[in-house]
Amino acid sequence: PRESTEDLTWFYLNCSIAKIRLENLTLFAKGGREISQARKNLVKFGIEMDVKWGTNQIIKRCFEIFKKGADNVLENLFHGAQSALNLGQFKKELEEIRRYAGEPVGKFLSGIHPCDWAVCANF
């Protein structure tokens, strides 16, 4: 099996047909459009896919999109946001990232729901 949109959708749909409930299990993902698209496909069938994105994968994706090189300060800010223990601290860390890396990076991160990668949103 591959991590393709089709394979993930097929797997979750067949588990649902077989009465294997995966909605309460979390998929820890290394990232990718395939998972995001499979998640959208499954919603059409009333199936929720709980995905948590790894911080290192978000950092890598950000560096790829915005052509930023590895930067310890920025990586520390990302990890600070991910490990924030409350929503106020999380928002403060996002604002620091926005100030340090620019509005496009801040907007990109704001597009990822806190429940998908931040500790504080999962208590």
N, C-alpha and C. Protein backbone atom coordinates (compact mmCIF):
# COMPACT_ATOMS: atom_id res chain seq x y z
N PRO A 1 0.83 -1.20 0.00
CA PRO A 1 0.00 0.00 0.00
C PRO A 1 0.87 1.26 0.00
N ARG A 2 0.35 2.28 -0.62
CA ARG A 2 1.02 3.57 -0.67
C ARG A 2 0.22 4.58 0.16
N GLU A 3 0.81 5.71 0.44
CA GLU A 3 0.07 6.79 1.09
C GLU A 3 -0.54 7.66 0.00
N SER A 4 -1.36 7.05 -0.83
CA SER A 4 -2.04 7.82 -1.87
C SER A 4 -3.46 8.14 -1.39
N THR A 5 -4.05 9.15 -2.00
CA THR A 5 -5.42 9.52 -1.66
C THR A 5 -6.36 8.34 -1.86
N GLU A 6 -6.20 7.66 -2.98
CA GLU A 6 -7.08 6.54 -3.30
C GLU A 6 -6.94 5.41 -2.29
N ASP A 7 -5.69 5.05 -1.97
CA ASP A 7 -5.47 3.95 -1.03
C ASP A 7 -5.98 4.26 0.37
N LEU A 8 -5.75 5.48 0.83
CA LEU A 8 -6.23 5.85 2.17
C LEU A 8 -7.76 5.88 2.21
N THR A 9 -8.36 6.45 1.18
CA THR A 9 -9.82 6.48 1.12
C THR A 9 -10.37 5.06 1.07
N TRP A 10 -9.81 4.23 0.23
CA TRP A 10 -10.23 2.82 0.11
C TRP A 10 -10.11 2.11 1.45
N PHE A 11 -8.98 2.28 2.14
CA PHE A 11 -8.75 1.61 3.41
C PHE A 11 -9.80 2.01 4.45
N TYR A 12 -10.00 3.31 4.61
CA TYR A 12 -10.96 3.78 5.61
C TYR A 12 -12.39 3.36 5.26
N LEU A 13 -12.75 3.44 3.98
CA LEU A 13 -14.10 3.02 3.58
C LEU A 13 -14.31 1.53 3.84
N ASN A 14 -13.33 0.70 3.52
CA ASN A 14 -13.47 -0.73 3.75
C ASN A 14 -13.50 -1.07 5.23
N CYS A 15 -12.75 -0.34 6.03
CA CYS A 15 -12.84 -0.55 7.48
C CYS A 15 -14.23 -0.20 7.98
N SER A 16 -14.80 0.87 7.45
CA SER A 16 -16.14 1.28 7.83
C SER A 16 -17.17 0.21 7.44
N ILE A 17 -17.06 -0.32 6.23
CA ILE A 17 -17.97 -1.37 5.76
C ILE A 17 -17.86 -2.61 6.65
N ALA A 18 -16.63 -2.91 7.09
CA ALA A 18 -16.40 -4.08 7.95
C ALA A 18 -16.71 -3.80 9.42
N LYS A 19 -17.24 -2.61 9.69
CA LYS A 19 -17.61 -2.20 11.06
C LYS A 19 -16.39 -2.06 11.97
N ILE A 20 -15.23 -1.79 11.37
CA ILE A 20 -14.02 -1.48 12.14
C ILE A 20 -13.98 0.03 12.27
N ARG A 21 -14.16 0.50 13.48
CA ARG A 21 -14.26 1.94 13.72
C ARG A 21 -12.89 2.55 13.93
N LEU A 22 -12.52 3.44 13.03
CA LEU A 22 -11.23 4.12 13.12
C LEU A 22 -11.39 5.58 13.53
N GLU A 23 -12.62 6.04 13.65
CA GLU A 23 -12.86 7.45 13.94
C GLU A 23 -12.23 7.90 15.26
N ASN A 24 -12.12 7.00 16.21
CA ASN A 24 -11.58 7.36 17.51
C ASN A 24 -10.08 7.13 17.62
N LEU A 25 -9.46 6.74 16.52
CA LEU A 25 -8.01 6.53 16.50
C LEU A 25 -7.35 7.69 15.76
N THR A 26 -6.17 8.04 16.18
CA THR A 26 -5.45 9.15 15.57
C THR A 26 -4.40 8.62 14.63
N LEU A 27 -4.34 9.21 13.45
CA LEU A 27 -3.30 8.90 12.48
C LEU A 27 -2.22 9.97 12.62
N PHE A 28 -1.04 9.57 13.01
CA PHE A 28 0.08 10.49 13.08
C PHE A 28 0.76 10.47 11.73
N ALA A 29 0.72 11.60 11.04
CA ALA A 29 1.15 11.64 9.65
C ALA A 29 2.41 12.45 9.47
N LYS A 30 3.16 12.05 8.48
CA LYS A 30 4.34 12.81 8.12
C LYS A 30 3.99 13.94 7.16
N GLY A 31 2.74 14.03 6.81
CA GLY A 31 2.28 15.12 5.97
C GLY A 31 1.94 14.65 4.57
N GLY A 32 1.45 15.56 3.79
CA GLY A 32 1.15 15.26 2.40
C GLY A 32 -0.25 15.63 2.00
N ARG A 33 -0.38 16.02 0.75
CA ARG A 33 -1.69 16.37 0.20
C ARG A 33 -2.60 15.16 0.13
N GLU A 34 -2.01 13.99 -0.01
CA GLU A 34 -2.80 12.77 -0.13
C GLU A 34 -3.70 12.57 1.08
N ILE A 35 -3.14 12.77 2.25
CA ILE A 35 -3.91 12.58 3.48
C ILE A 35 -5.00 13.64 3.59
N SER A 36 -4.66 14.89 3.26
CA SER A 36 -5.66 15.96 3.32
C SER A 36 -6.82 15.68 2.38
N GLN A 37 -6.51 15.21 1.18
CA GLN A 37 -7.57 14.92 0.21
C GLN A 37 -8.40 13.71 0.63
N ALA A 38 -7.74 12.67 1.15
CA ALA A 38 -8.48 11.50 1.63
C ALA A 38 -9.42 11.91 2.76
N ARG A 39 -8.95 12.77 3.62
CA ARG A 39 -9.77 13.27 4.73
C ARG A 39 -11.03 13.94 4.20
N LYS A 40 -10.87 14.78 3.15
CA LYS A 40 -12.02 15.46 2.54
C LYS A 40 -12.96 14.45 1.88
N ASN A 41 -12.40 13.45 1.21
CA ASN A 41 -13.23 12.41 0.57
C ASN A 41 -14.07 11.67 1.60
N LEU A 42 -13.47 11.34 2.72
CA LEU A 42 -14.16 10.53 3.73
C LEU A 42 -15.29 11.28 4.41
N VAL A 43 -15.16 12.59 4.53
CA VAL A 43 -16.22 13.39 5.14
C VAL A 43 -17.51 13.23 4.34
N LYS A 44 -17.41 13.07 3.02
CA LYS A 44 -18.59 12.87 2.17
C LYS A 44 -19.36 11.60 2.55
N PHE A 45 -18.66 10.65 3.17
CA PHE A 45 -19.28 9.39 3.60
C PHE A 45 -19.56 9.38 5.10
N GLY A 46 -19.39 10.53 5.74
CA GLY A 46 -19.64 10.64 7.17
C GLY A 46 -18.56 10.01 8.03
N ILE A 47 -17.35 9.88 7.47
CA ILE A 47 -16.23 9.27 8.21
C ILE A 47 -15.22 10.34 8.56
N GLU A 48 -14.93 10.45 9.84
CA GLU A 48 -13.94 11.39 10.32
C GLU A 48 -12.57 10.72 10.35
N MET A 49 -11.56 11.43 9.94
CA MET A 49 -10.18 10.94 9.98
C MET A 49 -9.39 11.89 10.88
N ASP A 50 -9.04 11.44 12.07
CA ASP A 50 -8.30 12.26 13.02
C ASP A 50 -6.82 12.18 12.68
N VAL A 51 -6.27 13.30 12.23
CA VAL A 51 -4.87 13.34 11.80
C VAL A 51 -4.12 14.35 12.65
N LYS A 52 -2.96 13.98 13.09
CA LYS A 52 -2.05 14.88 13.79
C LYS A 52 -0.80 15.01 12.94
N TRP A 53 -0.43 16.24 12.63
CA TRP A 53 0.74 16.49 11.81
C TRP A 53 1.95 16.67 12.70
N GLY A 54 3.04 16.04 12.34
CA GLY A 54 4.29 16.19 13.08
C GLY A 54 4.87 17.57 12.87
N THR A 55 5.36 18.17 13.94
CA THR A 55 5.93 19.51 13.85
C THR A 55 7.10 19.56 12.88
N ASN A 56 7.95 18.55 12.90
CA ASN A 56 9.08 18.56 11.98
C ASN A 56 8.62 18.53 10.52
N GLN A 57 7.51 17.85 10.26
CA GLN A 57 6.97 17.81 8.90
C GLN A 57 6.41 19.17 8.50
N ILE A 58 5.77 19.85 9.44
CA ILE A 58 5.24 21.20 9.16
C ILE A 58 6.41 22.15 8.88
N ILE A 59 7.46 22.05 9.67
CA ILE A 59 8.65 22.88 9.46
C ILE A 59 9.22 22.61 8.07
N LYS A 60 9.40 21.35 7.74
CA LYS A 60 9.96 20.97 6.44
C LYS A 60 9.10 21.52 5.31
N ARG A 61 7.79 21.36 5.44
CA ARG A 61 6.86 21.83 4.40
C ARG A 61 6.94 23.35 4.26
N CYS A 62 7.02 24.03 5.37
CA CYS A 62 7.14 25.49 5.36
C CYS A 62 8.42 25.92 4.64
N PHE A 63 9.53 25.26 4.95
CA PHE A 63 10.80 25.59 4.31
C PHE A 63 10.73 25.33 2.81
N GLU A 64 10.03 24.26 2.41
CA GLU A 64 9.88 23.95 0.98
C GLU A 64 9.04 25.02 0.28
N ILE A 65 7.92 25.38 0.87
CA ILE A 65 7.00 26.33 0.24
C ILE A 65 7.61 27.73 0.16
N PHE A 66 8.20 28.16 1.26
CA PHE A 66 8.65 29.55 1.36
C PHE A 66 10.15 29.71 1.14
N LYS A 67 10.81 28.63 0.74
CA LYS A 67 12.24 28.66 0.39
C LYS A 67 13.11 29.23 1.51
N LYS A 68 12.74 28.86 2.72
CA LYS A 68 13.54 29.28 3.87
C LYS A 68 14.49 28.15 4.22
N GLY A 69 15.71 28.49 4.53
CA GLY A 69 16.68 27.49 4.92
C GLY A 69 16.49 27.09 6.38
N ALA A 70 17.15 26.02 6.77
CA ALA A 70 17.08 25.57 8.17
C ALA A 70 17.53 26.70 9.07
N ASP A 71 16.78 26.95 10.11
CA ASP A 71 17.01 28.08 10.99
C ASP A 71 16.62 27.65 12.40
N ASN A 72 17.58 27.59 13.30
CA ASN A 72 17.31 27.11 14.67
C ASN A 72 16.29 27.98 15.40
N VAL A 73 16.34 29.29 15.19
CA VAL A 73 15.39 30.18 15.86
C VAL A 73 13.97 29.86 15.41
N LEU A 74 13.78 29.74 14.10
CA LEU A 74 12.45 29.44 13.58
C LEU A 74 11.98 28.06 14.02
N GLU A 75 12.86 27.09 13.98
CA GLU A 75 12.48 25.75 14.43
C GLU A 75 12.07 25.78 15.89
N ASN A 76 12.77 26.51 16.73
CA ASN A 76 12.41 26.61 18.14
C ASN A 76 11.05 27.28 18.32
N LEU A 77 10.75 28.29 17.48
CA LEU A 77 9.45 28.93 17.55
C LEU A 77 8.33 27.95 17.16
N PHE A 78 8.57 27.15 16.13
CA PHE A 78 7.58 26.14 15.73
C PHE A 78 7.32 25.16 16.88
N HIS A 79 8.40 24.67 17.48
CA HIS A 79 8.24 23.71 18.58
C HIS A 79 7.58 24.37 19.79
N GLY A 80 7.84 25.65 20.00
CA GLY A 80 7.17 26.38 21.08
C GLY A 80 5.67 26.45 20.86
N ALA A 81 5.27 26.70 19.62
CA ALA A 81 3.83 26.75 19.30
C ALA A 81 3.21 25.37 19.48
N GLN A 82 3.87 24.35 18.97
CA GLN A 82 3.34 22.99 19.06
C GLN A 82 3.18 22.54 20.50
N SER A 83 4.10 22.91 21.36
CA SER A 83 4.08 22.41 22.74
C SER A 83 3.39 23.36 23.71
N ALA A 84 2.80 24.44 23.21
CA ALA A 84 2.11 25.40 24.09
C ALA A 84 1.03 24.67 24.90
N LEU A 85 0.92 25.03 26.15
CA LEU A 85 -0.01 24.36 27.05
C LEU A 85 -1.38 25.03 27.13
N ASN A 86 -1.51 26.21 26.52
CA ASN A 86 -2.81 26.86 26.47
C ASN A 86 -2.92 27.65 25.17
N LEU A 87 -4.14 28.01 24.81
CA LEU A 87 -4.39 28.67 23.54
C LEU A 87 -3.74 30.05 23.48
N GLY A 88 -3.70 30.76 24.60
CA GLY A 88 -3.05 32.07 24.64
C GLY A 88 -1.57 31.98 24.30
N GLN A 89 -0.90 31.00 24.88
CA GLN A 89 0.52 30.79 24.60
C GLN A 89 0.72 30.38 23.14
N PHE A 90 -0.17 29.52 22.62
CA PHE A 90 -0.10 29.08 21.24
C PHE A 90 -0.20 30.28 20.29
N LYS A 91 -1.18 31.16 20.53
CA LYS A 91 -1.36 32.34 19.68
C LYS A 91 -0.16 33.28 19.77
N LYS A 92 0.40 33.41 20.96
CA LYS A 92 1.59 34.24 21.14
C LYS A 92 2.76 33.68 20.32
N GLU A 93 2.93 32.36 20.35
CA GLU A 93 4.01 31.73 19.58
C GLU A 93 3.78 31.91 18.08
N LEU A 94 2.53 31.78 17.62
CA LEU A 94 2.23 31.99 16.20
C LEU A 94 2.55 33.43 15.79
N GLU A 95 2.25 34.37 16.65
CA GLU A 95 2.55 35.77 16.35
C GLU A 95 4.07 35.99 16.26
N GLU A 96 4.82 35.33 17.12
CA GLU A 96 6.30 35.41 17.06
C GLU A 96 6.81 34.83 15.74
N ILE A 97 6.23 33.72 15.32
CA ILE A 97 6.62 33.12 14.04
C ILE A 97 6.31 34.08 12.90
N ARG A 98 5.13 34.68 12.95
CA ARG A 98 4.71 35.63 11.91
C ARG A 98 5.69 36.81 11.84
N ARG A 99 6.08 37.34 13.01
CA ARG A 99 7.02 38.46 13.05
C ARG A 99 8.40 38.06 12.52
N TYR A 100 8.83 36.87 12.89
CA TYR A 100 10.17 36.42 12.53
C TYR A 100 10.26 35.97 11.06
N ALA A 101 9.26 35.22 10.60
CA ALA A 101 9.34 34.59 9.28
C ALA A 101 8.51 35.29 8.21
N GLY A 102 7.62 36.18 8.62
CA GLY A 102 6.81 36.90 7.65
C GLY A 102 5.37 36.44 7.61
N GLU A 103 4.54 37.28 7.03
CA GLU A 103 3.10 37.03 6.96
C GLU A 103 2.73 35.75 6.20
N PRO A 104 3.39 35.43 5.06
CA PRO A 104 3.01 34.19 4.36
C PRO A 104 3.16 32.93 5.22
N VAL A 105 4.23 32.86 6.00
CA VAL A 105 4.43 31.70 6.88
C VAL A 105 3.37 31.70 7.97
N GLY A 106 3.10 32.87 8.55
CA GLY A 106 2.06 32.97 9.58
C GLY A 106 0.70 32.56 9.05
N LYS A 107 0.39 32.99 7.83
CA LYS A 107 -0.90 32.63 7.22
C LYS A 107 -0.98 31.13 6.96
N PHE A 108 0.12 30.54 6.49
CA PHE A 108 0.18 29.10 6.25
C PHE A 108 -0.13 28.34 7.54
N LEU A 109 0.52 28.73 8.64
CA LEU A 109 0.31 28.05 9.92
C LEU A 109 -1.09 28.28 10.46
N SER A 110 -1.63 29.46 10.23
CA SER A 110 -3.00 29.74 10.69
C SER A 110 -4.01 28.87 9.95
N GLY A 111 -3.63 28.37 8.77
CA GLY A 111 -4.51 27.51 8.01
C GLY A 111 -4.53 26.07 8.49
N ILE A 112 -3.65 25.73 9.43
CA ILE A 112 -3.62 24.39 10.02
C ILE A 112 -4.33 24.48 11.36
N HIS A 113 -5.41 23.77 11.51
CA HIS A 113 -6.19 23.85 12.75
C HIS A 113 -5.32 23.42 13.93
N PRO A 114 -5.37 24.16 15.05
CA PRO A 114 -4.56 23.80 16.22
C PRO A 114 -4.76 22.35 16.68
N CYS A 115 -5.96 21.81 16.52
CA CYS A 115 -6.21 20.42 16.91
C CYS A 115 -5.36 19.44 16.11
N ASP A 116 -4.89 19.88 14.95
CA ASP A 116 -4.11 18.99 14.09
C ASP A 116 -2.64 18.94 14.42
N TRP A 117 -2.18 19.86 15.33
CA TRP A 117 -0.74 19.80 15.61
C TRP A 117 -0.33 20.37 16.97
N ALA A 118 -1.20 21.08 17.65
CA ALA A 118 -0.81 21.72 18.91
C ALA A 118 -1.30 20.92 20.12
N VAL A 119 -0.45 20.85 21.12
CA VAL A 119 -0.77 20.14 22.36
C VAL A 119 -1.99 20.76 23.03
N CYS A 120 -2.01 22.10 23.13
CA CYS A 120 -3.07 22.78 23.91
C CYS A 120 -4.46 22.51 23.37
N ALA A 121 -4.57 22.26 22.09
CA ALA A 121 -5.90 22.05 21.50
C ALA A 121 -6.40 20.62 21.67
N ASN A 122 -5.60 19.77 22.28
CA ASN A 122 -5.96 18.37 22.41
C ASN A 122 -6.13 17.91 23.85
N PHE A 123 -6.29 18.88 24.76
CA PHE A 123 -6.55 18.50 26.16
C PHE A 123 -8.01 18.19 26.34
